[in-house]
C-alpha atoms as a PDB file:
ATOM      1  CA  MET A   1      77.074 285.125 243.179  1.00  0.00           C
ATOM      2  CA  ALA A   2      77.601 287.996 241.007  1.00  0.00           C
ATOM      3  CA  GLY A   3      76.228 286.548 237.976  1.00  0.00           C
ATOM      4  CA  ASN A   4      79.172 287.017 235.581  1.00  0.00           C
ATOM      5  CA  VAL A   5      79.222 284.954 232.692  1.00  0.00           C
ATOM      6  CA  SER A   6      82.369 283.989 231.012  1.00  0.00           C
ATOM      7  CA  GLY A   7      83.183 284.592 227.300  1.00  0.00           C
ATOM      8  CA  VAL A   8      82.429 281.882 224.755  1.00  0.00           C
ATOM      9  CA  GLY A   9      85.453 279.492 223.881  1.00  0.00           C
ATOM     10  CA  THR A  10      86.104 277.695 220.623  1.00  0.00           C
ATOM     11  CA  VAL A  11      87.938 274.388 220.411  1.00  0.00           C
ATOM     12  CA  PRO A  12      88.959 273.292 216.976  1.00  0.00           C
ATOM     13  CA  ILE A  13      88.065 269.550 216.274  1.00  0.00           C
ATOM     14  CA  LYS A  14      90.158 267.951 213.313  1.00  0.00           C
ATOM     15  CA  ILE A  15      88.493 264.942 211.707  1.00  0.00           C
ATOM     16  CA  ASP A  16      90.681 262.798 209.094  1.00  0.00           C
ATOM     17  CA  ALA A  17      89.106 259.526 208.698  1.00  0.00           C
ATOM     18  CA  SER A  18      90.644 259.119 205.174  1.00  0.00           C
ATOM     19  CA  ALA A  19      94.028 257.202 204.378  1.00  0.00           C
ATOM     20  CA  PRO A  20      96.722 259.084 201.900  1.00  0.00           C
ATOM     21  CA  LEU A  21      96.911 258.131 198.209  1.00  0.00           C
ATOM     22  CA  THR A  22     100.194 256.958 196.803  1.00  0.00           C
ATOM     23  CA  GLN A  23     100.956 257.039 193.065  1.00  0.00           C
ATOM     24  CA  THR A  24     103.920 255.641 191.277  1.00  0.00           C
ATOM     25  CA  ASN A  25     105.954 256.775 188.171  1.00  0.00           C
ATOM     26  CA  VAL A  26     108.206 254.288 186.511  1.00  0.00           C
ATOM     27  CA  SER A  27     111.076 255.241 183.950  1.00  0.00           C
ATOM     28  CA  GLY A  28     113.215 253.056 182.022  1.00  0.00           C
ATOM     29  CA  THR A  29     113.766 251.889 178.590  1.00  0.00           C
ATOM     30  CA  ALA A  30     110.550 250.423 177.405  1.00  0.00           C
ATOM     31  CA  GLY A  31     110.401 247.211 175.541  1.00  0.00           C
ATOM     32  CA  ALA A  32     107.370 245.375 174.017  1.00  0.00           C
ATOM     33  CA  ASN A  33     104.228 243.785 175.853  1.00  0.00           C
ATOM     34  CA  GLY A  34     104.993 245.405 179.184  1.00  0.00           C
ATOM     35  CA  TRP A  35     108.638 244.641 179.434  1.00  0.00           C
ATOM     36  CA  TYR A  36     111.395 246.871 180.236  1.00  0.00           C
ATOM     37  CA  THR A  37     114.864 246.555 178.634  1.00  0.00           C
ATOM     38  CA  SER A  38     116.844 248.215 181.298  1.00  0.00           C
ATOM     39  CA  ASN A  39     116.656 248.802 185.051  1.00  0.00           C
ATOM     40  CA  VAL A  40     113.926 251.135 185.980  1.00  0.00           C
ATOM     41  CA  VAL A  41     113.862 254.004 188.518  1.00  0.00           C
ATOM     42  CA  VAL A  42     110.482 254.466 190.493  1.00  0.00           C
ATOM     43  CA  SER A  43     109.352 257.345 192.027  1.00  0.00           C
ATOM     44  CA  LEU A  44     106.437 257.529 194.777  1.00  0.00           C
ATOM     45  CA  ALA A  45     104.142 260.407 195.373  1.00  0.00           C
ATOM     46  CA  ALA A  46     101.617 260.471 198.272  1.00  0.00           C
ATOM     47  CA  SER A  47      98.783 262.998 198.903  1.00  0.00           C
ATOM     48  CA  ASP A  48      96.562 263.916 201.779  1.00  0.00           C
ATOM     49  CA  ASN A  49      94.371 266.875 201.563  1.00  0.00           C
ATOM     50  CA  LEU A  50      93.407 266.741 205.631  1.00  0.00           C
ATOM     51  CA  SER A  51      96.050 265.843 207.930  1.00  0.00           C
ATOM     52  CA  GLY A  52      98.849 265.596 205.411  1.00  0.00           C
ATOM     53  CA  VAL A  53     101.190 262.739 204.737  1.00  0.00           C
ATOM     54  CA  GLN A  54     103.781 261.586 207.452  1.00  0.00           C
ATOM     55  CA  THR A  55     105.414 258.643 205.873  1.00  0.00           C
ATOM     56  CA  THR A  56     105.372 256.519 202.667  1.00  0.00           C
ATOM     57  CA  TYR A  57     106.623 252.983 202.767  1.00  0.00           C
ATOM     58  CA  TYR A  58     107.718 250.492 200.187  1.00  0.00           C
ATOM     59  CA  LYS A  59     109.348 246.905 199.821  1.00  0.00           C
ATOM     60  CA  ILE A  60     110.390 244.915 196.687  1.00  0.00           C
ATOM     61  CA  ASP A  61     109.619 241.295 196.045  1.00  0.00           C
ATOM     62  CA  GLY A  62     108.366 240.817 199.681  1.00  0.00           C
ATOM     63  CA  GLY A  63     111.630 242.231 201.034  1.00  0.00           C
ATOM     64  CA  THR A  64     112.394 244.719 203.935  1.00  0.00           C
ATOM     65  CA  THR A  65     109.966 247.518 204.454  1.00  0.00           C
ATOM     66  CA  LYS A  66     111.613 250.691 203.502  1.00  0.00           C
ATOM     67  CA  THR A  67     110.782 254.422 204.077  1.00  0.00           C
ATOM     68  CA  TYR A  68     110.476 256.328 200.914  1.00  0.00           C
ATOM     69  CA  THR A  69     112.542 259.520 200.487  1.00  0.00           C
ATOM     70  CA  ILE A  70     114.203 259.442 197.093  1.00  0.00           C
ATOM     71  CA  PRO A  71     113.433 257.575 193.690  1.00  0.00           C
ATOM     72  CA  PHE A  72     114.861 254.073 193.856  1.00  0.00           C
ATOM     73  CA  ASN A  73     116.095 251.352 191.289  1.00  0.00           C
ATOM     74  CA  VAL A  74     114.422 248.259 190.684  1.00  0.00           C
ATOM     75  CA  GLN A  75     117.041 246.203 188.723  1.00  0.00           C
ATOM     76  CA  GLY A  76     117.644 242.539 187.778  1.00  0.00           C
ATOM     77  CA  ASN A  77     115.998 240.377 184.800  1.00  0.00           C
ATOM     78  CA  GLY A  78     112.461 238.940 185.708  1.00  0.00           C
ATOM     79  CA  SER A  79     109.430 240.012 187.120  1.00  0.00           C
ATOM     80  CA  HIS A  80     109.503 242.277 190.289  1.00  0.00           C
ATOM     81  CA  THR A  81     106.402 242.984 192.587  1.00  0.00           C
ATOM     82  CA  LEU A  82     106.683 246.485 194.385  1.00  0.00           C
ATOM     83  CA  ASN A  83     104.373 247.125 197.253  1.00  0.00           C
ATOM     84  CA  PHE A  84     103.876 250.530 198.365  1.00  0.00           C
ATOM     85  CA  TRP A  85     101.480 252.496 200.780  1.00  0.00           C
ATOM     86  CA  GLY A  86     101.283 255.779 203.091  1.00  0.00           C
ATOM     87  CA  VAL A  87     100.409 256.988 206.565  1.00  0.00           C
ATOM     88  CA  ASP A  88      99.030 260.407 207.309  1.00  0.00           C
ATOM     89  CA  LYS A  89      99.547 262.457 210.215  1.00  0.00           C
ATOM     90  CA  ALA A  90      96.314 261.264 211.642  1.00  0.00           C
ATOM     91  CA  THR A  91      97.878 257.757 211.463  1.00  0.00           C
ATOM     92  CA  ASN A  92      95.312 256.405 208.896  1.00  0.00           C
ATOM     93  CA  THR A  93      97.094 253.933 206.761  1.00  0.00           C
ATOM     94  CA  GLU A  94      96.368 253.484 203.171  1.00  0.00           C
ATOM     95  CA  ALA A  95      95.875 249.885 202.014  1.00  0.00           C
ATOM     96  CA  MET A  96      98.798 248.229 200.381  1.00  0.00           C
ATOM     97  CA  SER A  97      99.132 248.352 196.442  1.00  0.00           C
ATOM     98  CA  SER A  98     101.216 246.614 194.068  1.00  0.00           C
ATOM     99  CA  LEU A  99     102.788 246.950 190.938  1.00  0.00           C
ATOM    100  CA  VAL A 100     104.551 244.304 188.643  1.00  0.00           C
ATOM    101  CA  ILE A 101     107.640 245.497 186.868  1.00  0.00           C
ATOM    102  CA  ASN A 102     109.220 243.334 184.320  1.00  0.00           C
ATOM    103  CA  ILE A 103     112.823 243.567 183.145  1.00  0.00           C
ATOM    104  CA  ASP A 104     114.511 241.795 180.302  1.00  0.00           C
ATOM    105  CA  SER A 105     117.923 243.170 179.485  1.00  0.00           C
ATOM    106  CA  THR A 106     119.330 240.059 177.713  1.00  0.00           C
ATOM    107  CA  LEU A 107     119.146 239.480 174.141  1.00  0.00           C
ATOM    108  CA  PRO A 108     117.615 236.088 173.015  1.00  0.00           C
ATOM    109  CA  GLY A 109     119.697 233.511 171.729  1.00  0.00           C
ATOM    110  CA  VAL A 110     119.496 232.503 167.977  1.00  0.00           C
ATOM    111  CA  THR A 111     121.356 229.784 165.981  1.00  0.00           C
ATOM    112  CA  ALA A 112     120.871 229.733 162.209  1.00  0.00           C
ATOM    113  CA  ASN A 113     122.536 227.693 159.319  1.00  0.00           C
ATOM    114  CA  VAL A 114     121.504 227.126 155.758  1.00  0.00           C
ATOM    115  CA  THR A 115     121.491 224.074 153.558  1.00  0.00           C
ATOM    116  CA  PRO A 116     122.886 223.528 151.209  1.00  0.00           C
ATOM    117  CA  SER A 117     126.061 225.821 152.233  1.00  0.00           C
ATOM    118  CA  THR A 118     127.275 225.628 148.694  1.00  0.00           C
ATOM    119  CA  ALA A 119     125.844 225.658 145.352  1.00  0.00           C
ATOM    120  CA  LEU A 120     127.158 225.299 141.810  1.00  0.00           C
ATOM    121  CA  LYS A 121     126.903 228.246 139.446  1.00  0.00           C
ATOM    122  CA  SER A 122     123.956 228.275 137.467  1.00  0.00           C
ATOM    123  CA  SER A 123     121.454 230.502 135.489  1.00  0.00           C
ATOM    124  CA  ASN A 124     118.568 229.207 137.572  1.00  0.00           C
ATOM    125  CA  PRO A 125     117.788 230.111 141.365  1.00  0.00           C
ATOM    126  CA  VAL A 126     118.922 227.839 143.893  1.00  0.00           C
ATOM    127  CA  THR A 127     116.455 226.798 146.843  1.00  0.00           C
ATOM    128  CA  ILE A 128     118.462 227.133 150.281  1.00  0.00           C
ATOM    129  CA  THR A 129     116.688 226.149 153.877  1.00  0.00           C
ATOM    130  CA  VAL A 130     117.354 228.260 156.748  1.00  0.00           C
ATOM    131  CA  SER A 131     117.064 226.465 159.949  1.00  0.00           C
ATOM    132  CA  GLY A 132     117.840 226.910 163.583  1.00  0.00           C
ATOM    133  CA  HIS A 133     116.431 227.691 167.136  1.00  0.00           C
ATOM    134  CA  ALA A 134     115.510 230.993 169.057  1.00  0.00           C
ATOM    135  CA  THR A 135     115.555 230.698 172.829  1.00  0.00           C
ATOM    136  CA  ASP A 136     114.730 233.141 175.664  1.00  0.00           C
ATOM    137  CA  ASN A 137     114.323 232.218 178.975  1.00  0.00           C
ATOM    138  CA  ILE A 138     113.184 235.760 180.523  1.00  0.00           C
ATOM    139  CA  SER A 139     110.204 237.234 178.664  1.00  0.00           C
ATOM    140  CA  GLY A 140     110.002 234.340 175.992  1.00  0.00           C
ATOM    141  CA  VAL A 141     110.097 234.232 172.330  1.00  0.00           C
ATOM    142  CA  PRO A 142     106.732 235.395 170.495  1.00  0.00           C
ATOM    143  CA  THR A 143     104.574 233.133 168.923  1.00  0.00           C
ATOM    144  CA  SER A 144     103.945 235.292 165.968  1.00  0.00           C
ATOM    145  CA  GLY A 145     106.172 237.312 163.816  1.00  0.00           C
ATOM    146  CA  GLY A 146     109.055 235.329 165.297  1.00  0.00           C
ATOM    147  CA  ALA A 147     111.991 235.381 163.162  1.00  0.00           C
ATOM    148  CA  THR A 148     112.744 237.590 159.874  1.00  0.00           C
ATOM    149  CA  PHE A 149     115.029 236.346 157.095  1.00  0.00           C
ATOM    150  CA  SER A 150     116.459 238.737 154.773  1.00  0.00           C
ATOM    151  CA  VAL A 151     119.107 237.766 152.049  1.00  0.00           C
ATOM    152  CA  VAL A 152     121.640 240.213 150.950  1.00  0.00           C
ATOM    153  CA  ASP A 153     123.971 239.442 147.534  1.00  0.00           C
ATOM    154  CA  GLU A 154     127.441 240.569 147.205  1.00  0.00           C
ATOM    155  CA  TYR A 155     126.029 243.805 145.411  1.00  0.00           C
ATOM    156  CA  GLY A 156     124.102 244.767 148.452  1.00  0.00           C
ATOM    157  CA  VAL A 157     120.893 243.908 146.938  1.00  0.00           C
ATOM    158  CA  ALA A 158     118.161 242.463 149.061  1.00  0.00           C
ATOM    159  CA  GLN A 159     116.326 239.490 147.769  1.00  0.00           C
ATOM    160  CA  PRO A 160     113.865 237.435 149.576  1.00  0.00           C
ATOM    161  CA  ARG A 161     112.571 238.459 152.905  1.00  0.00           C
ATOM    162  CA  ALA A 162     110.186 236.422 155.168  1.00  0.00           C
ATOM    163  CA  VAL A 163     108.799 236.287 158.566  1.00  0.00           C
ATOM    164  CA  ARG A 164     108.184 232.950 160.344  1.00  0.00           C
ATOM    165  CA  SER A 165     106.344 232.197 163.570  1.00  0.00           C
ATOM    166  CA  LEU A 166     107.814 230.526 166.480  1.00  0.00           C
ATOM    167  CA  CYS A 167     106.115 228.342 169.056  1.00  0.00           C
ATOM    168  CA  SER A 168     107.607 228.494 172.505  1.00  0.00           C
ATOM    169  CA  ARG A 169     110.576 229.756 174.769  1.00  0.00           C
ATOM    170  CA  THR A 170     112.564 227.450 172.274  1.00  0.00           C
ATOM    171  CA  GLY A 171     111.196 228.254 168.701  1.00  0.00           C
ATOM    172  CA  ILE A 172     112.256 226.436 165.672  1.00  0.00           C
ATOM    173  CA  ILE A 173     113.262 228.383 162.767  1.00  0.00           C
ATOM    174  CA  HIS A 174     112.848 226.834 159.405  1.00  0.00           C
ATOM    175  CA  SER A 175     112.160 228.707 156.003  1.00  0.00           C
ATOM    176  CA  ARG A 176     112.789 228.347 152.425  1.00  0.00           C
ATOM    177  CA  LEU A 177     114.271 230.754 150.113  1.00  0.00           C
ATOM    178  CA  LEU A 178     115.167 231.437 146.624  1.00  0.00           C
ATOM    179  CA  CYS A 179     118.598 233.018 146.152  1.00  0.00           C
ATOM    180  CA  ARG A 180     119.694 234.060 142.404  1.00  0.00           C
ATOM    181  CA  GLN A 181     123.356 233.182 141.720  1.00  0.00           C
ATOM    182  CA  ARG A 182     124.820 236.353 140.161  1.00  0.00           C
ATOM    183  CA  ARG A 183     128.483 235.176 139.511  1.00  0.00           C
ATOM    184  CA  THR A 184     131.119 232.799 140.341  1.00  0.00           C
ATOM    185  CA  TRP A 185     132.296 232.922 144.107  1.00  0.00           C
ATOM    186  CA  ALA A 186     129.282 234.953 144.833  1.00  0.00           C
ATOM    187  CA  THR A 187     128.519 235.117 148.589  1.00  0.00           C
ATOM    188  CA  THR A 188     125.040 235.479 149.979  1.00  0.00           C
ATOM    189  CA  THR A 189     124.663 236.489 153.535  1.00  0.00           C
ATOM    190  CA  ILE A 190     121.448 235.451 155.342  1.00  0.00           C
ATOM    191  CA  PHE A 191     120.494 237.812 158.321  1.00  0.00           C
ATOM    192  CA  THR A 192     118.237 236.231 160.968  1.00  0.00           C
ATOM    193  CA  ARG A 193     116.406 238.986 163.315  1.00  0.00           C
ATOM    194  CA  LEU A 194     114.521 237.844 166.087  1.00  0.00           C
ATOM    195  CA  PRO A 195     112.148 240.052 168.091  1.00  0.00           C
ATOM    196  CA  CYS A 196     111.098 238.750 171.423  1.00  0.00           C
ATOM    197  CA  ALA A 197     108.958 240.005 174.026  1.00  0.00           C
ATOM    198  CA  ALA A 198     111.713 242.584 175.247  1.00  0.00           C
ATOM    199  CA  ARG A 199     114.121 243.206 172.558  1.00  0.00           C
ATOM    200  CA  ILE A 200     114.510 243.205 168.712  1.00  0.00           C
ATOM    201  CA  GLU A 201     117.868 241.588 168.061  1.00  0.00           C
ATOM    202  CA  PRO A 202     120.028 239.708 167.524  1.00  0.00           C
ATOM    203  CA  VAL A 203     121.060 239.524 163.825  1.00  0.00           C
ATOM    204  CA  ILE A 204     122.956 236.113 163.150  1.00  0.00           C
ATOM    205  CA  ARG A 205     124.770 235.805 159.900  1.00  0.00           C
ATOM    206  CA  THR A 206     125.213 232.707 158.062  1.00  0.00           C
ATOM    207  CA  GLN A 207     126.635 232.303 154.434  1.00  0.00           C
ATOM    208  CA  LEU A 208     125.928 230.475 151.182  1.00  0.00           C
ATOM    209  CA  GLN A 209     128.785 230.416 148.832  1.00  0.00           C
ATOM    210  CA  ILE A 210     128.143 230.108 144.996  1.00  0.00           C
ATOM    211  CA  ARG A 211     130.822 228.286 143.240  1.00  0.00           C
END
């Protein structure tokens, strides 16, 4: 044996025991209390500092699993659950994360009327009662600051303004206001504005005629 010794060789050993990390970005028209008032666009960004990200997956409302390539839409009224996760090139799989996306693009419904609807001309203020209902079957009607009433006379002058609380998805509107009678055949318009969890509308107009 000649006793020759081979050169020292090196073999790289790559170890990646960590799963990737996926983050979300949601864009849309933001309402109140975590609701969106429009469809939303979701983008996913996965990162892995070792082997690198191989694939990112997602599914909406428990549906079909999809491979993420470009931002996607989440649409339709109600609460939607987005699940997402990533897999790196070492086949480490990220634990599934979830995000709830609330969408309410529908205006609440409001009905309003005044009692009495007519009043005789007088130098004294007349007391009128504004009543009606507010409904919203998606995000619901707020339990505080529910309906705002403003009275504008025929000269465009704002008279009493009041905020009344509502109690549930079907809120009862009830308020008493004083309205000054300015002249014969004056028309007073009462605006009812309802802020719900997602939208601040609509305006309902009802009239009190002074004869």
